[in-house]
Amino acid sequence: MKSFLVLALTVILVQAGVDFPEIKPRNIEPHFRSILPTILESDHTRIVGGNEVEAHSRPYQAALLLQHSDGTFFCGGSLISRKFVLTAAHCVEGYKKCQPKSNLLKTNTKSYFSVTSAEVILGAHQFRENEEGQIRLHATKFHIHNGWNKWFLINDIATIELDEEVKLTNTIQLISLPNRLDVGNNFANNDAVVSGWGLDSDQSTVVSPVLREVEVNVMRKFRCNIRYLGVIQDSHICTAGTGGVGSCSGDSGGPLVIGNKQIGIVSFGLALGCEIGWPSVYTRVTSFLDWIEAHSDAVIS
């Protein structure tokens, strides 16, 4: 009977377009024209539950200002070669919830978008400022996994091809990718670090002015699936939210790393809040090594 109930709930979840527990991609549309000049809170303690990083200690981190017909999305990414940035597919092509256009509509609607261009900011700590060692590059070429599914949030991976090659410096470096010997490693029970400029609490309404990071523990798929009612696939990787730590809106596309090796890409979480202790979910990089090699010039051993 219990197994039947779990199956029934899973079917409901799938039929509802993974909205049943309000699963939510970790991108954000912050309306930059109005918030860029805004002075944010002075409390720089969390990505959620973490700390402001030492400036430029994550030199592979990218901030992405992604332009589409309705505005600008903010996401994270990682520099995997001098020409390519790794990010989430839903940052480049996905959906956003829109406010009802009339009082006759009882629920929000979904508007689909495709990004037309991007400003890629590298070497940043305070991405809004023109810091020494920071560069801003233009990009119009996006490679999205052809199996990307907006409803089930699977194959949530994309690469951005920069218009010019990056010169590596003290503040701009490449992130290491897993090798093929890592494919069988689920990384369960290992401590990892997720970083980004996303919301630092459930009360925040704008992205962080400084780069933050938090240490998280990688969960086994089975434990994560109990929370997400069967949505989690082998191509996902989860981290525990115990203590209210993890990624939040605006961190999408950013890296989950162990040491200097990227094992995950920030993908989704529960829309009810980033601090409620629910697991954060990432795209598992080892499931896409061939795809990354085919859609970038990154070399994978």
Protein backbone atom coordinates (compact mmCIF):
# COMPACT_ATOMS: atom_id res chain seq x y z
CA MET A 1 0.00 0.00 0.00
CA LYS A 2 2.82 2.41 0.87
CA SER A 3 4.60 1.69 -2.42
CA PHE A 4 1.37 2.32 -4.29
CA LEU A 5 0.95 5.67 -2.54
CA VAL A 6 4.49 6.74 -3.41
CA LEU A 7 3.90 5.71 -7.04
CA ALA A 8 0.60 7.62 -7.15
CA LEU A 9 2.23 10.75 -5.73
CA THR A 10 5.04 10.46 -8.26
CA VAL A 11 2.55 10.20 -11.13
CA ILE A 12 0.71 13.27 -9.85
CA LEU A 13 4.02 15.10 -9.65
CA VAL A 14 4.99 14.21 -13.22
CA GLN A 15 1.57 15.02 -14.67
CA ALA A 16 1.62 18.40 -12.97
CA GLY A 17 4.86 19.36 -14.70
CA VAL A 18 6.97 18.93 -11.53
CA ASP A 19 4.96 21.67 -9.84
CA PHE A 20 3.35 19.51 -7.15
CA PRO A 21 5.96 20.18 -4.44
CA GLU A 22 6.71 23.45 -6.23
CA ILE A 23 10.11 22.43 -7.52
CA LYS A 24 11.82 25.54 -8.81
CA PRO A 25 14.86 26.24 -11.02
CA ARG A 26 17.48 28.33 -9.28
CA ASN A 27 17.58 31.16 -11.85
CA ILE A 28 16.29 34.64 -11.13
CA GLU A 29 14.96 37.62 -13.06
CA PRO A 30 16.06 40.55 -10.94
CA HIS A 31 15.07 43.49 -13.21
CA PHE A 32 18.57 44.89 -13.27
CA ARG A 33 17.64 48.41 -14.35
CA SER A 34 16.07 49.03 -10.96
CA ILE A 35 18.24 46.99 -8.60
CA LEU A 36 21.80 47.48 -9.85
CA PRO A 37 22.25 50.77 -7.97
CA THR A 38 20.60 49.35 -4.86
CA ILE A 39 22.70 49.15 -1.69
CA LEU A 40 22.06 45.78 -0.11
CA GLU A 41 22.24 44.61 3.47
CA SER A 42 25.69 44.68 5.06
CA ASP A 43 25.28 41.11 6.36
CA HIS A 44 27.49 39.12 3.97
CA THR A 45 27.27 35.83 5.84
CA ARG A 46 25.31 33.51 3.54
CA ILE A 47 24.78 31.99 0.09
CA VAL A 48 22.29 30.44 2.29
CA GLY A 49 24.00 29.33 5.45
CA GLY A 50 27.53 30.12 4.22
CA ASN A 51 30.06 32.92 4.01
CA GLU A 52 31.49 35.55 1.74
CA VAL A 53 34.46 34.00 -0.06
CA GLU A 54 37.95 35.38 0.12
CA ALA A 55 38.07 37.69 -2.89
CA HIS A 56 39.07 35.86 -6.11
CA SER A 57 39.54 32.53 -4.33
CA ARG A 58 37.07 30.96 -6.82
CA PRO A 59 38.71 32.28 -10.03
CA TYR A 60 36.67 29.95 -12.27
CA GLN A 61 33.32 31.47 -11.19
CA ALA A 62 31.33 33.37 -13.80
CA ALA A 63 28.44 35.81 -13.35
CA LEU A 64 25.99 35.75 -16.27
CA LEU A 65 23.64 38.55 -17.33
CA LEU A 66 21.40 36.76 -19.82
CA GLN A 67 19.29 38.87 -22.17
CA HIS A 68 15.93 37.73 -23.52
CA SER A 69 12.91 39.48 -24.97
CA ASP A 70 11.35 40.33 -21.60
CA GLY A 71 14.40 41.36 -19.62
CA THR A 72 17.58 40.05 -18.00
CA PHE A 73 18.13 36.84 -16.07
CA PHE A 74 20.99 36.37 -13.64
CA CYS A 75 22.77 33.01 -13.36
CA GLY A 76 26.15 31.58 -12.46
CA GLY A 77 28.59 29.53 -14.47
CA SER A 78 32.11 28.17 -14.51
CA LEU A 79 34.99 28.67 -16.91
CA ILE A 80 35.92 25.26 -18.35
CA SER A 81 38.21 26.49 -21.15
CA ARG A 82 39.47 29.81 -22.46
CA LYS A 83 36.50 29.88 -24.83
CA PHE A 84 33.60 28.15 -23.00
CA VAL A 85 31.52 28.59 -19.84
CA LEU A 86 29.49 25.74 -18.35
CA THR A 87 26.02 26.55 -16.98
CA ALA A 88 22.47 25.21 -16.63
CA ALA A 89 20.17 24.80 -19.63
CA HIS A 90 17.29 26.50 -17.83
CA CYS A 91 19.38 29.67 -17.58
CA VAL A 92 19.55 29.83 -21.38
CA GLU A 93 16.20 28.34 -22.30
CA GLY A 94 13.40 27.80 -19.82
CA TYR A 95 10.35 29.39 -18.30
CA LYS A 96 9.45 32.02 -15.78
CA LYS A 97 6.25 32.56 -13.87
CA CYS A 98 4.33 35.68 -14.83
CA GLN A 99 1.79 37.63 -12.86
CA PRO A 100 -1.81 37.24 -14.05
CA LYS A 101 -2.81 39.81 -16.69
CA SER A 102 -6.32 40.09 -15.32
CA ASN A 103 -8.24 39.36 -12.16
CA LEU A 104 -10.02 36.56 -14.02
CA LEU A 105 -6.88 34.44 -13.86
CA LYS A 106 -6.58 32.62 -10.57
CA THR A 107 -3.02 31.34 -11.01
CA ASN A 108 0.21 32.62 -12.44
CA THR A 109 1.04 31.66 -16.01
CA LYS A 110 4.34 30.48 -17.47
CA SER A 111 6.22 32.39 -20.13
CA TYR A 112 8.87 30.57 -22.13
CA PHE A 113 12.05 32.34 -23.14
CA SER A 114 15.27 31.82 -25.06
CA VAL A 115 18.32 33.94 -24.33
CA THR A 116 19.61 35.98 -27.26
CA SER A 117 22.87 37.28 -25.80
CA ALA A 118 24.87 37.25 -22.61
CA GLU A 119 27.33 39.37 -20.72
CA VAL A 120 29.82 37.04 -19.05
CA ILE A 121 31.67 38.53 -16.09
CA LEU A 122 34.90 36.80 -15.05
CA GLY A 123 37.41 37.57 -12.31
CA ALA A 124 34.67 39.13 -10.19
CA HIS A 125 34.01 39.27 -6.48
CA GLN A 126 31.62 42.22 -6.50
CA PHE A 127 30.20 41.69 -9.97
CA ARG A 128 28.40 45.06 -10.01
CA GLU A 129 31.70 46.93 -9.59
CA ASN A 130 34.49 47.44 -12.12
CA GLU A 131 37.15 45.65 -10.09
CA GLU A 132 40.80 45.26 -10.96
CA GLY A 133 41.27 41.90 -12.70
CA GLN A 134 37.61 41.66 -13.75
CA ILE A 135 36.60 41.38 -17.41
CA ARG A 136 33.25 41.43 -19.21
CA LEU A 137 32.76 39.45 -22.41
CA HIS A 138 29.92 39.17 -24.91
CA ALA A 139 28.41 35.88 -26.07
CA THR A 140 25.67 34.97 -28.56
CA LYS A 141 26.36 31.26 -29.09
CA PHE A 142 24.63 28.84 -26.72
CA HIS A 143 24.78 25.05 -26.80
CA ILE A 144 21.83 23.47 -24.98
CA HIS A 145 21.53 19.73 -24.37
CA ASN A 146 19.01 18.37 -26.87
CA GLY A 147 17.47 16.28 -24.10
CA TRP A 148 16.81 19.28 -21.87
CA ASN A 149 13.29 19.01 -20.48
CA LYS A 150 11.76 22.11 -18.90
CA TRP A 151 9.06 20.09 -17.13
CA PHE A 152 11.13 17.33 -15.54
CA LEU A 153 14.34 19.39 -15.15
CA ILE A 154 16.55 16.70 -16.64
CA ASN A 155 19.65 17.19 -18.83
CA ASP A 156 19.88 20.69 -17.35
CA ILE A 157 23.21 21.60 -18.91
CA ALA A 158 24.47 24.10 -21.47
CA THR A 159 27.69 25.73 -22.63
CA ILE A 160 28.20 29.34 -23.61
CA GLU A 161 30.73 30.05 -26.35
CA LEU A 162 32.54 33.33 -25.77
CA ASP A 163 33.14 35.73 -28.64
CA GLU A 164 36.84 35.79 -27.79
CA GLU A 165 39.33 33.67 -25.87
CA VAL A 166 40.03 34.54 -22.25
CA LYS A 167 43.51 35.36 -21.02
CA LEU A 168 44.11 33.44 -17.82
CA THR A 169 45.31 35.54 -14.88
CA ASN A 170 45.53 35.42 -11.09
CA THR A 171 41.81 36.25 -10.91
CA ILE A 172 40.63 34.15 -13.90
CA GLN A 173 41.35 30.41 -14.01
CA LEU A 174 39.76 27.22 -15.34
CA ILE A 175 37.86 24.75 -13.18
CA SER A 176 38.93 21.12 -13.45
CA LEU A 177 36.31 18.68 -14.71
CA PRO A 178 36.00 15.05 -13.60
CA ASN A 179 37.77 12.43 -15.66
CA ARG A 180 36.20 9.25 -16.96
CA LEU A 181 37.49 7.28 -13.98
CA ASP A 182 35.14 9.40 -11.85
CA VAL A 183 32.02 8.24 -13.70
CA GLY A 184 31.33 5.44 -11.22
CA ASN A 185 31.82 7.70 -8.21
CA ASN A 186 28.54 9.00 -6.75
CA PHE A 187 30.48 11.25 -4.32
CA ALA A 188 27.95 10.37 -1.59
CA ASN A 189 28.84 11.52 1.95
CA ASN A 190 31.63 13.77 0.64
CA ASP A 191 31.74 17.43 1.60
CA ALA A 192 31.55 19.82 -1.34
CA VAL A 193 31.32 23.59 -1.83
CA VAL A 194 28.69 25.52 -3.81
CA SER A 195 29.27 29.17 -4.65
CA GLY A 196 27.34 32.00 -6.25
CA TRP A 197 25.78 35.45 -6.01
CA GLY A 198 22.28 34.09 -5.41
CA LEU A 199 19.83 35.20 -2.73
CA ASP A 200 21.40 34.89 0.71
CA SER A 201 18.12 34.24 2.53
CA ASP A 202 14.44 33.63 1.90
CA GLN A 203 13.81 37.27 2.83
CA SER A 204 16.17 38.64 0.17
CA THR A 205 14.73 39.99 -3.08
CA VAL A 206 17.96 40.79 -4.95
CA VAL A 207 21.15 38.88 -5.64
CA SER A 208 24.17 39.20 -3.37
CA PRO A 209 26.67 41.99 -4.06
CA VAL A 210 29.57 39.65 -3.21
CA LEU A 211 30.40 36.06 -4.08
CA ARG A 212 29.48 33.58 -1.33
CA GLU A 213 30.07 29.90 -0.69
CA VAL A 214 28.83 27.20 1.63
CA GLU A 215 30.04 23.70 2.46
CA VAL A 216 27.41 21.03 1.84
CA ASN A 217 27.26 17.26 2.12
CA VAL A 218 26.49 15.11 -0.93
CA MET A 219 23.47 12.84 -0.41
CA ARG A 220 22.71 9.41 -1.74
CA LYS A 221 20.14 9.40 -4.54
CA PHE A 222 17.73 7.22 -2.55
CA ARG A 223 17.58 9.66 0.38
CA CYS A 224 17.11 12.63 -1.93
CA ASN A 225 14.34 10.86 -3.85
CA ILE A 226 12.34 10.36 -0.66
CA ARG A 227 12.13 14.16 -0.42
CA TYR A 228 11.42 14.68 -4.14
CA LEU A 229 8.96 11.79 -4.66
CA GLY A 230 10.95 9.97 -7.34
CA VAL A 231 11.93 12.96 -9.48
CA ILE A 232 15.68 12.50 -8.92
CA GLN A 233 17.50 10.65 -11.72
CA ASP A 234 21.00 9.17 -11.94
CA SER A 235 22.01 12.33 -13.82
CA HIS A 236 21.19 14.45 -10.75
CA ILE A 237 23.25 14.94 -7.63
CA CYS A 238 21.84 16.23 -4.32
CA THR A 239 23.27 17.96 -1.29
CA ALA A 240 21.67 17.97 2.14
CA GLY A 241 19.94 21.13 3.30
CA THR A 242 20.30 20.35 7.00
CA GLY A 243 20.71 23.58 8.91
CA GLY A 244 19.23 25.63 6.07
CA VAL A 245 22.33 25.56 3.85
CA GLY A 246 22.63 25.29 0.07
CA SER A 247 21.95 27.10 -3.17
CA CYS A 248 19.17 29.62 -3.78
CA SER A 249 17.61 31.65 -6.58
CA GLY A 250 20.35 33.30 -8.63
CA ASP A 251 22.85 30.49 -8.06
CA SER A 252 21.62 28.48 -11.08
CA GLY A 253 24.35 27.27 -13.39
CA GLY A 254 27.03 27.72 -10.76
CA PRO A 255 29.52 25.06 -9.71
CA LEU A 256 29.42 22.41 -6.99
CA VAL A 257 33.04 21.43 -6.38
CA ILE A 258 35.13 19.01 -4.40
CA GLY A 259 38.65 20.38 -4.12
CA ASN A 260 39.11 22.05 -7.50
CA LYS A 261 36.95 19.55 -9.41
CA GLN A 262 33.41 20.46 -10.49
CA ILE A 263 30.95 17.64 -9.85
CA GLY A 264 27.65 19.51 -10.18
CA ILE A 265 25.78 22.42 -11.78
CA VAL A 266 23.16 24.21 -9.66
CA SER A 267 19.76 23.19 -11.05
CA PHE A 268 16.70 23.30 -8.78
CA GLY A 269 15.23 23.20 -5.30
CA LEU A 270 11.96 23.61 -3.46
CA ALA A 271 10.12 26.88 -4.12
CA LEU A 272 8.84 26.96 -0.54
CA GLY A 273 12.21 28.29 0.55
CA CYS A 274 15.97 27.86 0.45
CA GLU A 275 16.36 27.75 4.23
CA ILE A 276 13.76 25.12 5.08
CA GLY A 277 16.30 22.27 5.12
CA TRP A 278 15.31 20.67 1.78
CA PRO A 279 18.04 19.24 -0.46
CA SER A 280 19.48 21.29 -3.32
CA VAL A 281 19.66 19.47 -6.68
CA TYR A 282 22.40 19.74 -9.30
CA THR A 283 23.15 18.35 -12.73
CA ARG A 284 25.71 15.55 -12.25
CA VAL A 285 28.73 16.51 -14.38
CA THR A 286 30.04 12.94 -14.71
CA SER A 287 26.84 12.01 -16.58
CA PHE A 288 27.66 14.52 -19.33
CA LEU A 289 31.39 14.26 -19.97
CA ASP A 290 30.96 13.19 -23.60
CA TRP A 291 28.39 15.93 -24.17
CA ILE A 292 30.68 18.59 -22.68
CA GLU A 293 33.58 17.45 -24.83
CA ALA A 294 31.35 17.54 -27.95
CA HIS A 295 29.97 21.01 -27.19
CA SER A 296 33.10 22.82 -26.04
CA ASP A 297 36.84 22.64 -26.54
CA ALA A 298 37.40 21.40 -22.98
CA VAL A 299 39.66 18.36 -22.80
CA ILE A 300 38.45 15.49 -20.60
CA SER A 301 40.87 12.70 -19.78
